[in-house]
Protein backbone atom coordinates (compact mmCIF):
# COMPACT_ATOMS: atom_id res chain seq x y z
CA MET A 1 26.13 -152.27 38.25
CA THR A 2 28.64 -149.97 36.54
CA ARG A 3 30.82 -149.89 39.65
CA HIS A 4 31.05 -153.67 39.72
CA LEU A 5 31.99 -153.72 36.05
CA PHE A 6 34.84 -151.31 36.73
CA ALA A 7 36.11 -153.50 39.56
CA ALA A 8 35.85 -156.62 37.41
CA ALA A 9 37.74 -154.93 34.58
CA ALA A 10 40.48 -153.85 36.95
CA LEU A 11 40.85 -157.34 38.32
CA ALA A 12 41.19 -158.68 34.78
CA VAL A 13 43.98 -156.19 34.09
CA LEU A 14 45.69 -157.22 37.34
CA LEU A 15 45.80 -160.82 36.16
CA LEU A 16 47.66 -159.65 33.06
CA GLY A 17 50.09 -157.11 34.47
CA GLY A 18 49.89 -156.49 38.19
CA SER A 19 50.66 -159.84 39.78
CA GLN A 20 54.42 -159.38 40.16
CA GLY A 21 54.20 -156.29 42.34
CA PHE A 22 51.33 -157.82 44.28
CA ALA A 23 53.33 -160.94 45.08
CA ALA A 24 56.22 -158.87 46.38
CA GLU A 25 53.91 -156.89 48.67
CA LYS A 26 52.31 -160.04 50.13
CA THR A 27 55.65 -161.28 51.48
CA LYS A 28 55.44 -158.69 54.30
CA ALA A 29 54.28 -160.19 57.58
CA PRO A 30 51.03 -158.71 58.90
CA VAL A 31 50.92 -156.94 62.25
CA PHE A 32 47.23 -157.09 63.20
CA GLY A 33 46.37 -160.02 60.91
CA ALA A 34 44.72 -160.09 57.50
CA LEU A 35 43.24 -157.00 55.89
CA GLU A 36 40.22 -156.47 58.09
CA VAL A 37 38.51 -153.29 59.21
CA MET A 38 38.05 -152.71 62.93
CA THR A 39 34.52 -152.02 64.14
CA PRO A 40 33.76 -148.53 65.46
CA GLU A 41 33.23 -149.99 68.93
CA ALA A 42 36.63 -151.70 68.91
CA VAL A 43 38.36 -148.53 67.72
CA GLN A 44 36.63 -146.46 70.38
CA ALA A 45 37.74 -148.90 73.08
CA LYS A 46 41.36 -148.80 71.92
CA ALA A 47 41.21 -145.01 71.65
CA GLN A 48 39.93 -144.71 75.22
CA ALA A 49 42.62 -147.07 76.49
CA TRP A 50 45.29 -144.99 74.72
CA LEU A 51 43.88 -141.77 76.17
CA LYS A 52 44.14 -143.21 79.69
CA GLU A 53 47.70 -144.38 79.02
CA VAL A 54 48.79 -140.82 78.21
CA GLY A 55 47.23 -139.57 81.44
CA LYS A 56 44.04 -137.94 80.16
CA THR A 57 41.78 -139.40 82.84
CA ASP A 58 40.37 -136.12 84.16
CA GLY A 59 36.67 -135.32 83.87
CA PRO A 60 36.87 -132.65 81.12
CA SER A 61 39.06 -134.86 78.91
CA GLN A 62 36.70 -137.81 79.28
CA GLU A 63 33.70 -135.61 78.51
CA ARG A 64 35.40 -134.31 75.39
CA PHE A 65 36.22 -137.89 74.39
CA GLN A 66 32.58 -138.90 74.70
CA ALA A 67 31.52 -135.87 72.65
CA ILE A 68 33.95 -136.81 69.87
CA TRP A 69 32.63 -140.36 69.62
CA ALA A 70 29.03 -139.21 69.71
CA GLN A 71 29.53 -137.59 66.29
CA LYS A 72 28.23 -140.54 64.26
CA ASP A 73 28.15 -138.51 61.06
CA ARG A 74 31.97 -138.35 61.02
CA THR A 75 34.25 -141.19 59.95
CA VAL A 76 35.82 -143.46 62.53
CA LEU A 77 39.26 -142.31 61.38
CA ASP A 78 38.36 -138.65 61.94
CA ARG A 79 37.11 -139.40 65.42
CA LEU A 80 40.24 -141.40 66.22
CA ALA A 81 42.45 -138.57 64.93
CA ASP A 82 40.56 -136.09 67.13
CA THR A 83 41.13 -138.39 70.11
CA PHE A 84 44.86 -138.38 69.39
CA ALA A 85 44.74 -134.59 69.15
CA LEU A 86 42.97 -134.49 72.52
CA GLY A 87 45.72 -136.49 74.18
CA ASP A 88 48.82 -135.21 72.37
CA ALA A 89 49.62 -131.56 71.60
CA GLU A 90 51.95 -132.39 68.71
CA ALA A 91 49.31 -134.61 67.11
CA ALA A 92 46.80 -131.76 67.43
CA LYS A 93 49.22 -129.36 65.72
CA LEU A 94 49.99 -131.77 62.88
CA MET A 95 46.34 -132.52 62.14
CA ALA A 96 45.37 -128.84 62.24
CA GLU A 97 48.09 -127.99 59.72
CA ALA A 98 47.27 -130.96 57.46
CA ARG A 99 43.58 -130.09 57.34
CA ASP A 100 44.16 -126.38 56.69
CA PHE A 101 44.05 -125.76 52.93
CA ASN A 102 45.68 -122.36 53.47
CA ALA A 103 48.62 -123.71 55.47
CA PRO A 104 51.98 -124.17 53.70
CA ALA A 105 52.68 -127.69 52.49
CA PRO A 106 55.12 -129.57 54.74
CA GLU A 107 58.59 -130.21 53.39
CA ALA A 108 59.20 -133.60 55.03
CA ALA A 109 57.54 -136.31 57.08
CA PRO A 110 57.23 -135.19 60.73
CA THR A 111 59.62 -136.93 63.12
CA LEU A 112 56.72 -138.03 65.34
CA PHE A 113 55.85 -140.77 62.85
CA LYS A 114 59.41 -142.12 62.93
CA ASN A 115 59.59 -142.35 66.72
CA ASP A 116 59.36 -146.10 67.36
CA LYS A 117 59.13 -145.50 71.11
CA LEU A 118 55.55 -144.39 70.57
CA PRO A 119 52.78 -147.04 70.16
CA THR A 120 52.31 -148.33 66.62
CA PHE A 121 48.54 -147.94 66.98
CA PHE A 122 49.04 -144.22 67.61
CA ARG A 123 51.67 -143.55 64.93
CA ALA A 124 50.18 -145.65 62.11
CA ASN A 125 46.61 -144.40 62.43
CA LEU A 126 47.55 -140.78 63.07
CA GLY A 127 49.86 -141.12 60.06
CA MET A 128 47.01 -142.42 57.90
CA ALA A 129 44.74 -139.55 58.95
CA TYR A 130 47.54 -137.03 58.38
CA ALA A 131 48.43 -138.47 54.95
CA ARG A 132 44.77 -138.60 53.88
CA ALA A 133 44.36 -134.92 54.76
CA LEU A 134 47.49 -134.04 52.74
CA ALA A 135 46.36 -136.16 49.77
CA ASN A 136 43.04 -134.29 49.75
CA ARG A 137 45.12 -131.10 49.39
CA ARG A 138 47.18 -132.76 46.60
CA VAL A 139 50.32 -132.69 48.78
CA HIS A 140 51.22 -136.15 47.56
CA GLU A 141 54.99 -136.24 48.18
CA GLU A 142 54.76 -135.78 51.94
CA ALA A 143 51.58 -137.88 52.20
CA LEU A 144 53.42 -140.76 50.59
CA SER A 145 56.55 -140.28 52.69
CA VAL A 146 54.42 -140.79 55.82
CA MET A 147 52.48 -143.79 54.48
CA LYS A 148 55.68 -145.55 53.46
CA LEU A 149 56.57 -145.79 57.16
CA PHE A 150 53.65 -148.14 57.84
CA ARG A 151 51.69 -151.08 56.45
CA ALA A 152 48.01 -151.44 55.79
CA GLU A 153 47.75 -154.16 58.43
CA GLN A 154 48.81 -151.70 61.12
CA THR A 155 45.77 -149.45 60.62
CA ILE A 156 42.13 -149.60 61.66
CA ASP A 157 41.02 -149.41 57.99
CA PRO A 158 43.45 -151.01 55.51
CA SER A 159 41.28 -150.12 52.50
CA THR A 160 41.52 -146.39 53.27
CA PHE A 161 45.27 -146.71 53.75
CA LEU A 162 45.75 -148.51 50.41
CA PHE A 163 43.39 -146.22 48.52
CA PHE A 164 45.03 -142.95 49.51
CA LYS A 165 48.49 -144.46 49.08
CA ALA A 166 47.50 -145.45 45.53
CA VAL A 167 46.06 -141.98 44.85
CA SER A 168 49.37 -140.32 45.78
CA GLU A 169 51.43 -142.88 43.85
CA HIS A 170 49.24 -142.48 40.76
CA SER A 171 49.41 -138.68 40.98
CA LEU A 172 53.22 -138.82 41.22
CA LEU A 173 53.30 -141.15 38.17
CA ASN A 174 54.68 -144.09 40.19
CA ARG A 175 52.96 -146.72 38.09
CA LYS A 176 54.57 -149.80 39.65
CA ASP A 177 53.87 -148.78 43.26
CA ALA A 178 50.33 -147.62 42.47
CA THR A 179 49.60 -150.92 40.74
CA THR A 180 50.82 -152.83 43.80
CA SER A 181 48.64 -150.78 46.16
CA ILE A 182 45.57 -151.16 43.94
CA SER A 183 46.25 -154.90 43.61
CA ARG A 184 46.02 -155.32 47.36
CA LEU A 185 42.95 -153.09 47.59
CA LEU A 186 41.04 -155.02 44.92
CA ASP A 187 42.19 -158.39 46.19
CA ASP A 188 42.99 -158.59 49.90
CA ALA A 189 40.74 -155.68 50.92
CA ILE A 190 37.94 -156.04 48.38
CA ALA A 191 35.48 -157.32 51.01
CA ILE A 192 35.92 -154.24 53.23
CA ALA A 193 36.58 -151.48 50.68
CA PRO A 194 33.76 -149.00 49.90
CA GLU A 195 32.44 -149.10 46.36
CA ARG A 196 33.82 -145.63 45.64
CA TYR A 197 37.34 -146.86 46.47
CA LYS A 198 36.97 -149.86 44.17
CA THR A 199 35.61 -147.77 41.30
CA VAL A 200 38.24 -145.04 41.45
CA SER A 201 41.02 -147.61 41.92
CA ALA A 202 39.83 -149.53 38.87
CA LEU A 203 39.82 -146.33 36.83
CA MET A 204 43.34 -145.45 37.98
CA LEU A 205 44.54 -148.92 37.07
CA LEU A 206 42.96 -148.81 33.61
CA ASP A 207 44.37 -145.31 33.08
CA MET A 208 47.90 -146.51 33.85
CA GLN A 209 47.59 -149.26 31.24
CA THR A 210 47.54 -146.52 28.58
CA TRP A 211 50.68 -144.77 29.83
CA LYS A 212 53.73 -144.66 27.62
CA ASP A 213 57.07 -143.38 28.84
CA LYS A 214 58.08 -140.86 26.18
CA ASP A 215 55.04 -139.79 24.19
CA LEU A 216 53.37 -136.39 24.31
CA ALA A 217 50.79 -137.68 26.79
CA SER A 218 53.63 -138.37 29.23
CA VAL A 219 54.77 -134.76 28.77
CA ALA A 220 51.23 -133.60 29.58
CA ARG A 221 51.22 -135.71 32.74
CA LYS A 222 54.49 -134.15 33.86
CA MET A 223 53.10 -130.70 33.13
CA SER A 224 50.08 -131.47 35.30
CA ASN A 225 52.43 -132.50 38.10
CA VAL A 226 54.40 -129.24 37.71
CA GLU A 227 51.16 -127.25 37.84
CA ARG A 228 50.22 -129.00 41.08
CA ARG A 229 53.60 -128.26 42.64
CA LEU A 230 53.40 -124.60 41.64
CA GLU A 231 49.98 -124.27 43.25
CA LEU A 232 51.54 -125.62 46.46
CA ALA A 233 54.40 -123.09 46.24
CA LYS A 234 56.87 -125.92 45.58
CA GLY A 235 58.81 -124.05 42.93
CA GLY A 236 62.20 -125.33 44.04
CA PRO A 237 64.88 -127.54 42.48
CA GLU A 238 62.58 -130.55 42.02
CA THR A 239 60.03 -128.50 40.06
CA GLN A 240 62.79 -126.96 37.94
CA LYS A 241 64.16 -130.46 37.28
CA LEU A 242 60.74 -131.60 36.05
CA GLN A 243 60.45 -128.57 33.77
CA LYS A 244 63.89 -129.23 32.33
CA GLU A 245 62.83 -132.83 31.64
CA ILE A 246 59.75 -131.51 29.80
CA VAL A 247 61.81 -129.21 27.56
CA LEU A 248 64.43 -131.93 26.99
CA ARG A 249 61.79 -134.41 25.88
CA LEU A 250 60.28 -131.83 23.54
CA ASP A 251 63.72 -131.34 22.00
CA GLU A 252 63.96 -135.09 21.47
CA LEU A 253 60.52 -135.22 19.83
CA ILE A 254 61.47 -132.37 17.53
CA LYS A 255 64.64 -134.14 16.45
CA GLU A 256 62.68 -137.32 15.78
CA LEU A 257 60.21 -135.44 13.57
CA GLU A 258 62.99 -133.61 11.74
CA ASN A 259 64.78 -136.89 11.03
CA LYS A 260 61.59 -138.35 9.58
CA LYS A 261 61.17 -135.31 7.29
CA LYS A 262 64.72 -135.36 5.90
CA PRO A 263 64.82 -135.93 2.10
CA PRO A 264 66.09 -139.34 0.99
CA PRO A 265 69.73 -139.58 -0.23
CA PRO A 266 70.33 -139.16 -4.00
CA GLY A 267 69.37 -142.23 -5.97
CA ASP A 268 66.86 -143.51 -3.44
CA GLY A 269 63.87 -142.22 -5.37
CA PRO A 270 62.71 -140.61 -8.63
CA PRO A 271 64.08 -137.12 -9.42
CA ASN A 272 61.94 -134.29 -8.05
CA ASP A 273 62.10 -132.24 -11.28
CA GLY A 274 58.59 -132.73 -12.59
CA SER A 275 59.63 -135.20 -15.31
CA CYS A 276 57.95 -138.52 -15.79
CA PRO A 277 59.81 -141.66 -14.71
CA ASP A 278 59.67 -143.10 -18.27
CA GLY A 279 61.25 -139.99 -19.81
CA GLY A 280 58.04 -138.55 -21.27
CA GLN A 281 56.68 -135.07 -20.78
CA PRO A 282 54.98 -134.23 -17.48
CA SER A 283 51.23 -133.95 -17.56
CA PRO A 284 49.66 -130.55 -16.81
CA GLY A 285 49.63 -129.80 -13.07
CA SER A 286 51.86 -132.77 -12.24
CA GLY A 287 54.77 -130.61 -11.02
CA PRO A 288 56.94 -127.59 -11.74
CA PRO A 289 58.74 -127.30 -15.06
CA LYS A 290 62.23 -128.73 -15.28
CA GLY A 291 64.79 -126.34 -13.87
CA ASN A 292 62.43 -124.64 -11.44
CA LYS A 293 62.94 -125.08 -7.68
CA ALA A 294 60.29 -127.09 -5.85
CA THR A 295 58.57 -125.17 -3.10
CA SER A 296 56.76 -127.81 -1.03
CA PRO A 297 55.88 -126.26 2.35
CA ALA A 298 56.15 -129.63 4.07
CA THR A 299 59.66 -130.21 2.77
CA GLU A 300 60.95 -126.73 3.55
CA SER A 301 59.46 -126.40 7.05
CA GLY A 302 60.53 -129.85 8.19
CA ILE A 303 57.42 -130.21 10.42
CA VAL A 304 53.88 -130.50 9.13
CA PRO A 305 51.35 -128.32 11.00
CA GLN A 306 48.96 -130.52 12.97
CA GLY A 307 46.24 -128.07 14.06
CA GLY A 308 42.86 -129.69 14.52
CA THR A 309 44.13 -133.27 14.69
CA GLY A 310 44.39 -133.47 18.48
CA GLN A 311 48.19 -133.65 18.34
CA VAL A 312 50.68 -131.08 19.58
CA ASP A 313 53.40 -129.74 17.33
CA PRO A 314 56.45 -130.07 19.64
CA LEU A 315 58.33 -127.27 17.85
CA LYS A 316 55.48 -124.79 18.40
CA PHE A 317 55.13 -125.98 21.97
CA LYS A 318 58.80 -125.46 22.79
CA LYS A 319 58.87 -122.00 21.19
CA LEU A 320 55.77 -121.03 23.14
CA VAL A 321 57.39 -122.18 26.40
CA GLU A 322 60.51 -120.13 25.65
CA ASN A 323 58.63 -116.95 24.64
CA TRP A 324 55.64 -117.13 26.98
CA VAL A 325 56.93 -114.71 29.63
CA THR A 326 57.54 -111.90 27.12
CA MET A 327 54.42 -112.39 24.97
CA PRO A 328 51.45 -109.97 25.15
CA ALA A 329 48.28 -111.41 26.67
CA ARG A 330 46.40 -111.40 23.34
CA LYS A 331 49.21 -113.28 21.57
CA ARG A 332 49.32 -115.80 24.40
CA ALA A 333 45.61 -116.54 24.08
CA GLU A 334 45.84 -116.92 20.29
CA ALA A 335 48.91 -119.17 20.47
CA LEU A 336 47.40 -121.34 23.19
CA GLN A 337 44.15 -121.75 21.27
CA GLU A 338 46.02 -122.79 18.14
CA LEU A 339 48.28 -125.17 20.07
CA THR A 340 45.44 -127.04 21.82
CA GLN A 341 43.02 -127.16 18.89
CA GLY A 342 41.47 -130.60 18.54
CA MET A 343 42.95 -131.97 21.77
CA SER A 344 40.99 -133.88 24.39
CA GLN A 345 39.60 -131.75 27.20
CA ARG A 346 41.90 -133.42 29.75
CA HIS A 347 45.14 -132.67 27.90
CA ARG A 348 43.95 -129.22 26.81
CA GLU A 349 43.27 -128.26 30.41
CA ALA A 350 46.64 -129.63 31.54
CA ILE A 351 48.49 -127.53 28.97
CA GLU A 352 46.43 -124.40 29.68
CA ILE A 353 47.04 -124.70 33.43
CA TYR A 354 50.73 -125.29 32.82
CA PHE A 355 51.08 -122.07 30.83
CA ARG A 356 49.03 -120.09 33.34
CA ASN A 357 51.56 -121.01 36.01
CA ILE A 358 54.71 -120.75 33.94
CA ASN A 359 55.47 -117.23 35.17
CA ASP A 360 56.00 -118.54 38.70
CA VAL A 361 59.04 -120.63 37.84
CA GLN A 362 61.29 -119.70 34.92
CA VAL A 363 61.79 -122.67 32.65
CA ALA A 364 65.50 -123.26 32.24
CA ARG A 365 66.39 -124.96 29.00
CA PRO A 366 69.08 -127.66 29.49
CA ARG A 367 72.41 -126.73 28.02
């Protein structure tokens, strides 16, 4: 029941905000027809025909093929990918690397998927299996670069194609593209999509409705993306660019807070000397005697501490980023605890992971 409610909520949101991207996507002409899933028997028949076309008609190859398709506990896509690996050495190499969590992340989409001399059935479905394996490893950039070469209609399972495309787009903060992919999944492919795809897609869609471009939550999302890239050993120029954007946005937030805390110009308010507005004597405890300097911590610091409110003080955050590498372990733990006090578990974990990985790539402050 809950799953259906999520799907219904997502569809309601689509009616409000996702129709434009959906309309643009629908203008593409289908290749195999509407968004329909092929039956396992039909896929097996096409796989066997492809295997014969590439010359794998010998007895051992056919026996191996039958063994692959006898594994009913595995998905049809996995069995099809294994068939491609049986008939093509490069396909076997690509799938082995994509499925290996210890293998280095690829740096670009393999040229095999761009070779239009090869059958579309082979390239599109191998590409979907390859991209799904990368997405499961959180290698979203290269997964998406492969999926962009094809359309859902060209695959044996359009719902799987759209779901993993949306997962990568959502993870890379591509809200417009992710909304378009989810729109198609929850509309054109809703009859064939598994419930788990519908539920997770609805949650992604509802999550994106809360995104704002320049708030602290957007900084946390970028930090989570940096953490992911560092785990994949992608500490190159793109990661450094993202980290510079994080520091730059923190600088902007600090300036905004400082501007809000500036004292008003003379004449804009009552004198801050402790006297009463009507000229009478100040009441006891109402303020410092006339002639004494006011010492309001909020006025002098320029930024009010926000510990325990669930909000991050951008000034403290930026200083912690700059000093993290040289700080002792005990000081790091204390500063991180103070910084994340009162935050939601999701954002607290994102910030903690970000700082744990900050030693891998030196944050360069924009000049």
